[in-house]
């Protein structure tokens, strides 16, 4: 085990510990959070989350797909150039930089790390999603990205949103980045018999955008909790 990485990515992952603890508290007393029809409840009662994280290879990472893929886990977003001002119409404030759009963003999925032990034999993992401004001018991001896991057959698992604090606007200068965290519960780190969603790839949509970016998914099958009140897989808002 190694300590959480320093800097922005480390802070983003550290925030996941708080979210995991809140989810655990909400789940106390619940009969379980399994997908409807499973024979046994899937526990999400959380003990104190681990203060450390370690990289983990849960599945083989394939060559990135889609136009403009720069490296493994990295894809250029697509979308209209420009964008509305991120601050326009907010209590009469002066307009700030335009919102970031797919036309100027490069999206990168970093390797998964272990972040929290929910129960004996049940461990959450997380992967940082980084949005880098590849345009010539500053832009702004606010809120949550869309995150959806997709099977080879086209079945979609839209991940819910969760945060320990309200979202905040993030300004990205040229070359600047913002992070969101995709937290997930792989079947490889869950009790035997947990319902599985065999994710083949990941779709990430930048906040306030409509065009998703396709990324390879290194996490393998995840526990299917689409019908759960307290899912252990979710996405956090962007932070700077």
Protein backbone atom coordinates (compact mmCIF):
# COMPACT_ATOMS: atom_id res chain seq x y z
CA UNK A 1 0.00 0.00 0.00
CA UNK A 2 1.26 3.51 -0.72
CA UNK A 3 -0.05 6.90 0.47
CA UNK A 4 -2.50 8.86 -1.64
CA UNK A 5 -0.73 10.86 -4.32
CA UNK A 6 0.09 14.43 -3.42
CA UNK A 7 -1.38 17.40 -5.26
CA UNK A 8 -4.71 17.87 -6.99
CA UNK A 9 -5.31 14.19 -7.83
CA UNK A 10 -4.58 13.19 -4.24
CA UNK A 11 -7.03 15.77 -2.89
CA UNK A 12 -9.72 14.51 -5.26
CA UNK A 13 -9.23 10.94 -4.08
CA UNK A 14 -9.07 11.99 -0.43
CA UNK A 15 -12.51 13.55 -0.77
CA UNK A 16 -13.83 10.14 -1.77
CA UNK A 17 -13.13 8.83 1.75
CA UNK A 18 -15.59 11.38 3.16
CA UNK A 19 -18.23 10.46 0.61
CA UNK A 20 -17.77 6.76 1.31
CA UNK A 21 -18.21 7.33 5.03
CA UNK A 22 -21.41 9.30 4.44
CA UNK A 23 -22.77 6.53 2.24
CA UNK A 24 -21.96 4.03 4.94
CA UNK A 25 -23.83 5.99 7.57
CA UNK A 26 -26.87 6.21 5.30
CA UNK A 27 -26.79 2.48 4.74
CA UNK A 28 -26.77 1.52 8.41
CA UNK A 29 -29.93 -0.33 9.24
CA UNK A 30 -30.71 -1.00 5.60
CA UNK A 31 -31.60 -4.52 4.59
CA UNK A 32 -29.00 -4.27 1.84
CA UNK A 33 -28.57 -2.59 -1.50
CA UNK A 34 -28.67 -5.41 -3.98
CA UNK A 35 -30.33 -5.21 -7.36
CA UNK A 36 -33.94 -6.34 -7.14
CA UNK A 37 -34.34 -10.07 -7.44
CA UNK A 38 -31.00 -11.09 -5.94
CA UNK A 39 -31.17 -13.82 -3.35
CA UNK A 40 -29.17 -11.96 -0.71
CA UNK A 41 -28.74 -8.31 0.27
CA UNK A 42 -25.44 -6.74 -0.75
CA UNK A 43 -23.98 -4.94 2.29
CA UNK A 44 -22.57 -1.43 2.10
CA UNK A 45 -22.03 -0.92 5.82
CA UNK A 46 -18.71 0.91 5.88
CA UNK A 47 -16.02 0.62 8.46
CA UNK A 48 -13.48 3.43 8.75
CA UNK A 49 -12.14 3.93 5.21
CA UNK A 50 -8.54 3.07 4.53
CA UNK A 51 -6.31 6.18 4.66
CA UNK A 52 -4.15 4.83 1.87
CA UNK A 53 -4.66 3.94 -1.74
CA UNK A 54 -2.79 1.63 -4.05
CA UNK A 55 -2.83 1.23 -7.79
CA UNK A 56 -4.53 -1.92 -8.99
CA UNK A 57 -4.93 -3.65 -12.33
CA UNK A 58 -8.49 -5.00 -12.39
CA UNK A 59 -8.61 -5.67 -16.12
CA UNK A 60 -6.37 -5.38 -19.13
CA UNK A 61 -6.33 -1.88 -20.63
CA UNK A 62 -6.87 -1.86 -24.36
CA UNK A 63 -5.69 0.70 -26.88
CA UNK A 64 -7.88 3.81 -26.61
CA UNK A 65 -10.65 4.16 -29.13
CA UNK A 66 -12.06 7.17 -30.90
CA UNK A 67 -10.42 9.95 -32.91
CA UNK A 68 -7.67 11.97 -31.30
CA UNK A 69 -6.76 9.43 -28.62
CA UNK A 70 -3.36 10.62 -27.38
CA UNK A 71 -2.43 7.82 -24.98
CA UNK A 72 -3.89 4.91 -23.08
CA UNK A 73 -6.94 6.17 -21.19
CA UNK A 74 -6.84 9.56 -22.95
CA UNK A 75 -9.29 10.83 -25.57
CA UNK A 76 -9.98 14.22 -27.05
CA UNK A 77 -13.57 15.31 -26.55
CA UNK A 78 -15.67 16.60 -29.41
CA UNK A 79 -18.27 19.30 -29.44
CA UNK A 80 -19.02 22.84 -30.59
CA UNK A 81 -16.35 25.49 -30.21
CA UNK A 82 -16.92 28.38 -27.85
CA UNK A 83 -19.65 28.08 -25.25
CA UNK A 84 -21.82 30.24 -23.05
CA UNK A 85 -20.26 32.17 -20.21
CA UNK A 86 -20.04 30.06 -17.06
CA UNK A 87 -20.93 33.01 -14.84
CA UNK A 88 -23.59 34.64 -17.00
CA UNK A 89 -26.85 35.21 -15.18
CA UNK A 90 -25.56 34.33 -11.71
CA UNK A 91 -26.89 37.09 -9.46
CA UNK A 92 -25.76 39.81 -11.81
CA UNK A 93 -22.10 38.83 -11.64
CA UNK A 94 -19.76 39.91 -14.40
CA UNK A 95 -19.47 37.24 -17.04
CA UNK A 96 -16.46 34.98 -16.60
CA UNK A 97 -14.69 32.68 -19.06
CA UNK A 98 -16.91 30.68 -21.42
CA UNK A 99 -17.74 27.16 -20.35
CA UNK A 100 -15.39 24.41 -21.39
CA UNK A 101 -16.67 22.35 -24.30
CA UNK A 102 -15.60 19.16 -25.98
CA UNK A 103 -13.93 21.13 -28.75
CA UNK A 104 -11.08 22.14 -26.43
CA UNK A 105 -10.97 19.33 -23.85
CA UNK A 106 -8.78 16.25 -23.57
CA UNK A 107 -10.25 13.62 -21.23
CA UNK A 108 -7.99 11.19 -19.37
CA UNK A 109 -8.91 8.26 -17.12
CA UNK A 110 -6.17 7.49 -14.60
CA UNK A 111 -5.48 3.97 -13.28
CA UNK A 112 -7.86 2.76 -10.54
CA UNK A 113 -6.73 2.81 -6.92
CA UNK A 114 -8.19 1.20 -3.80
CA UNK A 115 -9.92 3.82 -1.64
CA UNK A 116 -12.20 2.25 0.96
CA UNK A 117 -13.03 -1.04 2.65
CA UNK A 118 -16.81 -1.23 2.96
CA UNK A 119 -16.91 -4.57 4.76
CA UNK A 120 -14.76 -7.71 4.98
CA UNK A 121 -14.19 -8.82 1.40
CA UNK A 122 -15.79 -5.70 -0.08
CA UNK A 123 -13.57 -2.87 -1.35
CA UNK A 124 -14.29 0.29 -3.30
CA UNK A 125 -11.96 1.57 -6.00
CA UNK A 126 -11.71 4.92 -7.72
CA UNK A 127 -10.30 6.34 -10.95
CA UNK A 128 -9.64 10.04 -11.48
CA UNK A 129 -11.14 11.55 -14.64
CA UNK A 130 -9.05 14.54 -15.75
CA UNK A 131 -10.31 17.25 -18.11
CA UNK A 132 -7.48 19.28 -19.67
CA UNK A 133 -8.08 22.56 -21.49
CA UNK A 134 -6.28 22.19 -24.82
CA UNK A 135 -7.64 25.47 -26.18
CA UNK A 136 -5.97 28.88 -26.55
CA UNK A 137 -8.10 30.63 -23.91
CA UNK A 138 -9.37 30.04 -20.39
CA UNK A 139 -12.68 28.26 -19.87
CA UNK A 140 -14.79 27.24 -16.87
CA UNK A 141 -16.41 24.03 -15.64
CA UNK A 142 -19.14 23.52 -13.06
CA UNK A 143 -20.96 20.49 -11.72
CA UNK A 144 -20.86 16.83 -12.56
CA UNK A 145 -19.71 15.01 -15.66
CA UNK A 146 -21.91 12.33 -17.08
CA UNK A 147 -20.49 8.84 -16.51
CA UNK A 148 -21.92 5.67 -18.02
CA UNK A 149 -20.53 2.16 -18.19
CA UNK A 150 -21.54 0.21 -21.29
CA UNK A 151 -21.43 -3.51 -22.07
CA UNK A 152 -20.38 -5.00 -25.40
CA UNK A 153 -24.09 -5.55 -26.11
CA UNK A 154 -24.88 -1.86 -25.52
CA UNK A 155 -26.48 -2.11 -22.06
CA UNK A 156 -25.90 1.11 -20.11
CA UNK A 157 -25.21 1.72 -16.42
CA UNK A 158 -25.55 5.46 -15.73
CA UNK A 159 -23.60 6.19 -12.57
CA UNK A 160 -25.35 8.39 -9.99
CA UNK A 161 -23.86 11.62 -8.65
CA UNK A 162 -22.58 12.06 -5.13
CA UNK A 163 -20.44 14.59 -3.27
CA UNK A 164 -19.41 15.56 0.25
CA UNK A 165 -19.70 19.28 -0.63
CA UNK A 166 -21.64 21.35 -3.18
CA UNK A 167 -20.04 21.72 -6.63
CA UNK A 168 -18.00 24.84 -7.32
CA UNK A 169 -16.98 26.57 -10.53
CA UNK A 170 -13.47 25.74 -11.74
CA UNK A 171 -11.56 27.96 -14.17
CA UNK A 172 -9.09 26.26 -16.48
CA UNK A 173 -6.35 28.35 -18.09
CA UNK A 174 -4.83 27.01 -21.31
CA UNK A 175 -3.21 23.71 -20.31
CA UNK A 176 -5.05 23.67 -16.97
CA UNK A 177 -6.97 20.67 -15.67
CA UNK A 178 -9.92 19.75 -13.45
CA UNK A 179 -10.70 16.36 -11.93
CA UNK A 180 -13.77 14.29 -11.16
CA UNK A 181 -13.60 10.93 -9.41
CA UNK A 182 -15.37 7.79 -10.60
CA UNK A 183 -15.88 5.50 -7.61
CA UNK A 184 -16.87 1.89 -8.27
CA UNK A 185 -17.29 -1.51 -6.66
CA UNK A 186 -15.73 -4.25 -8.83
CA UNK A 187 -17.05 -7.77 -8.58
CA UNK A 188 -13.45 -8.89 -8.03
CA UNK A 189 -13.52 -7.03 -4.70
CA UNK A 190 -17.06 -8.02 -3.64
CA UNK A 191 -18.62 -11.14 -2.10
CA UNK A 192 -19.19 -14.08 -4.41
CA UNK A 193 -22.59 -14.04 -6.06
CA UNK A 194 -22.98 -10.25 -6.21
CA UNK A 195 -24.89 -9.26 -9.38
CA UNK A 196 -22.42 -8.25 -12.08
CA UNK A 197 -22.48 -5.61 -14.81
CA UNK A 198 -19.87 -6.57 -17.40
CA UNK A 199 -18.66 -3.12 -18.43
CA UNK A 200 -16.75 -2.98 -21.69
CA UNK A 201 -16.09 0.74 -21.98
CA UNK A 202 -16.83 4.09 -20.33
CA UNK A 203 -18.64 7.15 -21.67
CA UNK A 204 -17.72 10.48 -20.05
CA UNK A 205 -19.64 13.66 -20.89
CA UNK A 206 -18.06 16.95 -19.74
CA UNK A 207 -20.32 19.07 -17.49
CA UNK A 208 -22.90 21.10 -19.44
CA UNK A 209 -22.01 19.29 -22.65
CA UNK A 210 -23.90 16.74 -24.73
CA UNK A 211 -21.24 14.78 -26.58
CA UNK A 212 -19.72 11.86 -24.62
CA UNK A 213 -16.13 10.70 -24.88
CA UNK A 214 -15.51 6.98 -25.13
CA UNK A 215 -12.70 5.62 -22.95
CA UNK A 216 -11.41 2.14 -22.33
CA UNK A 217 -12.60 0.74 -18.99
CA UNK A 218 -9.82 -0.85 -16.87
CA UNK A 219 -12.05 -1.80 -13.93
CA UNK A 220 -13.60 -4.99 -15.26
CA UNK A 221 -17.12 -6.08 -14.21
CA UNK A 222 -18.72 -4.00 -11.46
CA UNK A 223 -21.44 -4.90 -8.97
CA UNK A 224 -24.79 -4.03 -10.55
CA UNK A 225 -26.50 -1.65 -8.14
CA UNK A 226 -28.72 0.26 -10.53
CA UNK A 227 -31.73 -0.43 -8.30
CA UNK A 228 -29.89 0.34 -5.07
CA UNK A 229 -30.80 3.15 -2.70
CA UNK A 230 -27.16 3.44 -1.60
CA UNK A 231 -24.98 2.46 -4.56
CA UNK A 232 -21.26 2.10 -4.02
CA UNK A 233 -20.49 3.25 -7.57
CA UNK A 234 -20.90 6.94 -8.43
CA UNK A 235 -19.20 10.04 -9.87
CA UNK A 236 -18.18 13.22 -8.03
CA UNK A 237 -18.25 16.85 -9.29
CA UNK A 238 -15.25 18.45 -10.96
CA UNK A 239 -12.69 20.15 -8.72
CA UNK A 240 -9.61 22.21 -9.50
